[in-house]
């Protein structure tokens, strides 16, 4: 698993029931060096899987550097969104629930 997704992986593994309360599947598309695509399932079988694994409820796209910034400061996501650096497709309200997991 990519180091970029290790924080979400660890948080889900530590409390899969909390992840299930989010009740969504996210597709992360991280652009740049060491970027890639990951599916984060917070529904039936919580976990992070490499690649696009079925239909996502919410797709999140940004640069690797911006993702690292969010990991360091989860509250920075809204600023990146309004700057156009973080793109959200599908149910955008679900993206706000990620702070429950990252915090």
C-alpha atoms as a PDB file:
ATOM      1  CA  UNK A   1       0.000   0.000   0.000  1.00  0.00           C
ATOM      2  CA  UNK A   2       1.221   3.460  -0.836  1.00  0.00           C
ATOM      3  CA  UNK A   3       2.588   5.602   1.966  1.00  0.00           C
ATOM      4  CA  UNK A   4       0.185   8.279   0.717  1.00  0.00           C
ATOM      5  CA  UNK A   5      -2.793   6.197   1.763  1.00  0.00           C
ATOM      6  CA  UNK A   6      -1.276   4.632   4.889  1.00  0.00           C
ATOM      7  CA  UNK A   7      -2.942   7.094   7.278  1.00  0.00           C
ATOM      8  CA  UNK A   8      -6.434   6.280   6.017  1.00  0.00           C
ATOM      9  CA  UNK A   9      -5.561   2.575   5.953  1.00  0.00           C
ATOM     10  CA  UNK A  10      -4.373   2.698   9.579  1.00  0.00           C
ATOM     11  CA  UNK A  11      -7.403   4.684  10.764  1.00  0.00           C
ATOM     12  CA  UNK A  12      -9.850   2.282   9.088  1.00  0.00           C
ATOM     13  CA  UNK A  13      -8.011  -0.775  10.442  1.00  0.00           C
ATOM     14  CA  UNK A  14      -8.036   0.704  13.962  1.00  0.00           C
ATOM     15  CA  UNK A  15     -11.803   1.257  13.956  1.00  0.00           C
ATOM     16  CA  UNK A  16     -13.648  -0.334  11.010  1.00  0.00           C
ATOM     17  CA  UNK A  17     -17.034   0.313  12.653  1.00  0.00           C
ATOM     18  CA  UNK A  18     -16.332   4.059  12.734  1.00  0.00           C
ATOM     19  CA  UNK A  19     -15.428   3.887   9.041  1.00  0.00           C
ATOM     20  CA  UNK A  20     -18.747   2.188   8.310  1.00  0.00           C
ATOM     21  CA  UNK A  21     -20.583   5.173   9.829  1.00  0.00           C
ATOM     22  CA  UNK A  22     -19.302   7.249   6.893  1.00  0.00           C
ATOM     23  CA  UNK A  23     -21.175   4.834   4.628  1.00  0.00           C
ATOM     24  CA  UNK A  24     -19.500   5.665   1.324  1.00  0.00           C
ATOM     25  CA  UNK A  25     -16.962   4.506  -1.232  1.00  0.00           C
ATOM     26  CA  UNK A  26     -14.381   7.102  -2.275  1.00  0.00           C
ATOM     27  CA  UNK A  27     -12.119   7.097  -5.291  1.00  0.00           C
ATOM     28  CA  UNK A  28      -8.887   9.037  -4.795  1.00  0.00           C
ATOM     29  CA  UNK A  29      -6.942  10.199  -7.839  1.00  0.00           C
ATOM     30  CA  UNK A  30      -3.624  11.684  -6.763  1.00  0.00           C
ATOM     31  CA  UNK A  31      -1.570  13.331  -9.497  1.00  0.00           C
ATOM     32  CA  UNK A  32       2.199  13.762  -9.573  1.00  0.00           C
ATOM     33  CA  UNK A  33       5.226  11.777  -8.472  1.00  0.00           C
ATOM     34  CA  UNK A  34       4.187   8.637  -6.559  1.00  0.00           C
ATOM     35  CA  UNK A  35       0.536   9.397  -7.318  1.00  0.00           C
ATOM     36  CA  UNK A  36      -2.061   6.875  -8.303  1.00  0.00           C
ATOM     37  CA  UNK A  37      -5.660   5.800  -7.867  1.00  0.00           C
ATOM     38  CA  UNK A  38      -7.124   4.183  -4.749  1.00  0.00           C
ATOM     39  CA  UNK A  39     -10.566   3.054  -3.695  1.00  0.00           C
ATOM     40  CA  UNK A  40     -11.437   3.706  -0.058  1.00  0.00           C
ATOM     41  CA  UNK A  41     -14.394   1.571   1.011  1.00  0.00           C
ATOM     42  CA  UNK A  42     -16.193   2.777   4.126  1.00  0.00           C
ATOM     43  CA  UNK A  43     -19.302   0.678   3.650  1.00  0.00           C
ATOM     44  CA  UNK A  44     -19.522  -3.098   3.848  1.00  0.00           C
ATOM     45  CA  UNK A  45     -15.844  -4.094   3.801  1.00  0.00           C
ATOM     46  CA  UNK A  46     -13.843  -1.086   5.065  1.00  0.00           C
ATOM     47  CA  UNK A  47     -10.364  -0.754   3.620  1.00  0.00           C
ATOM     48  CA  UNK A  48      -8.149   0.813   0.993  1.00  0.00           C
ATOM     49  CA  UNK A  49      -7.491  -0.936  -2.307  1.00  0.00           C
ATOM     50  CA  UNK A  50      -5.244   0.121  -5.144  1.00  0.00           C
ATOM     51  CA  UNK A  51      -6.956   1.096  -8.378  1.00  0.00           C
ATOM     52  CA  UNK A  52     -10.558   1.783  -9.234  1.00  0.00           C
ATOM     53  CA  UNK A  53     -12.682  -0.915  -7.600  1.00  0.00           C
ATOM     54  CA  UNK A  54     -16.288  -0.514  -8.703  1.00  0.00           C
ATOM     55  CA  UNK A  55     -18.578   2.489  -8.447  1.00  0.00           C
ATOM     56  CA  UNK A  56     -17.577   5.291  -6.094  1.00  0.00           C
ATOM     57  CA  UNK A  57     -20.029   7.552  -4.298  1.00  0.00           C
ATOM     58  CA  UNK A  58     -17.479  10.387  -4.312  1.00  0.00           C
ATOM     59  CA  UNK A  59     -14.345  10.945  -6.403  1.00  0.00           C
ATOM     60  CA  UNK A  60     -11.590  13.180  -5.059  1.00  0.00           C
ATOM     61  CA  UNK A  61      -8.793  14.412  -7.301  1.00  0.00           C
ATOM     62  CA  UNK A  62      -5.757  16.507  -6.345  1.00  0.00           C
ATOM     63  CA  UNK A  63      -1.975  16.621  -6.465  1.00  0.00           C
ATOM     64  CA  UNK A  64       0.183  14.451  -4.237  1.00  0.00           C
ATOM     65  CA  UNK A  65       1.562  17.608  -2.576  1.00  0.00           C
ATOM     66  CA  UNK A  66      -1.927  18.892  -1.759  1.00  0.00           C
ATOM     67  CA  UNK A  67      -2.879  15.491  -0.316  1.00  0.00           C
ATOM     68  CA  UNK A  68       0.196  15.598   1.922  1.00  0.00           C
ATOM     69  CA  UNK A  69      -0.958  19.035   3.072  1.00  0.00           C
ATOM     70  CA  UNK A  70      -4.386  17.660   3.970  1.00  0.00           C
ATOM     71  CA  UNK A  71      -2.799  14.803   5.911  1.00  0.00           C
ATOM     72  CA  UNK A  72      -0.775  17.337   7.908  1.00  0.00           C
ATOM     73  CA  UNK A  73      -3.785  19.637   8.385  1.00  0.00           C
ATOM     74  CA  UNK A  74      -7.180  18.077   7.549  1.00  0.00           C
ATOM     75  CA  UNK A  75      -8.828  21.480   7.907  1.00  0.00           C
ATOM     76  CA  UNK A  76      -6.944  22.744   4.841  1.00  0.00           C
ATOM     77  CA  UNK A  77      -9.164  20.740   2.461  1.00  0.00           C
ATOM     78  CA  UNK A  78     -11.846  23.427   2.158  1.00  0.00           C
ATOM     79  CA  UNK A  79      -9.281  26.058   1.179  1.00  0.00           C
ATOM     80  CA  UNK A  80      -7.866  23.755  -1.492  1.00  0.00           C
ATOM     81  CA  UNK A  81     -11.385  23.082  -2.771  1.00  0.00           C
ATOM     82  CA  UNK A  82     -12.172  26.787  -3.121  1.00  0.00           C
ATOM     83  CA  UNK A  83      -8.813  27.364  -4.850  1.00  0.00           C
ATOM     84  CA  UNK A  84      -9.736  24.697  -7.404  1.00  0.00           C
ATOM     85  CA  UNK A  85      -6.849  22.449  -6.345  1.00  0.00           C
ATOM     86  CA  UNK A  86      -9.124  19.771  -4.918  1.00  0.00           C
ATOM     87  CA  UNK A  87     -11.806  18.494  -7.276  1.00  0.00           C
ATOM     88  CA  UNK A  88     -14.796  16.528  -6.024  1.00  0.00           C
ATOM     89  CA  UNK A  89     -17.255  14.609  -8.210  1.00  0.00           C
ATOM     90  CA  UNK A  90     -20.343  12.715  -7.135  1.00  0.00           C
ATOM     91  CA  UNK A  91     -21.742  13.383  -3.673  1.00  0.00           C
ATOM     92  CA  UNK A  92     -19.506  16.234  -2.502  1.00  0.00           C
ATOM     93  CA  UNK A  93     -21.074  16.254   0.973  1.00  0.00           C
ATOM     94  CA  UNK A  94     -19.486  12.868   1.604  1.00  0.00           C
ATOM     95  CA  UNK A  95     -16.027  14.422   1.254  1.00  0.00           C
ATOM     96  CA  UNK A  96     -16.651  16.410   4.434  1.00  0.00           C
ATOM     97  CA  UNK A  97     -17.096  13.131   6.313  1.00  0.00           C
ATOM     98  CA  UNK A  98     -13.483  12.196   5.616  1.00  0.00           C
ATOM     99  CA  UNK A  99     -12.396  14.568   8.369  1.00  0.00           C
ATOM    100  CA  UNK A 100     -14.021  12.146  10.838  1.00  0.00           C
ATOM    101  CA  UNK A 101     -11.479   9.570   9.740  1.00  0.00           C
ATOM    102  CA  UNK A 102      -8.422  11.787   9.216  1.00  0.00           C
ATOM    103  CA  UNK A 103      -8.754  13.782  12.442  1.00  0.00           C
END
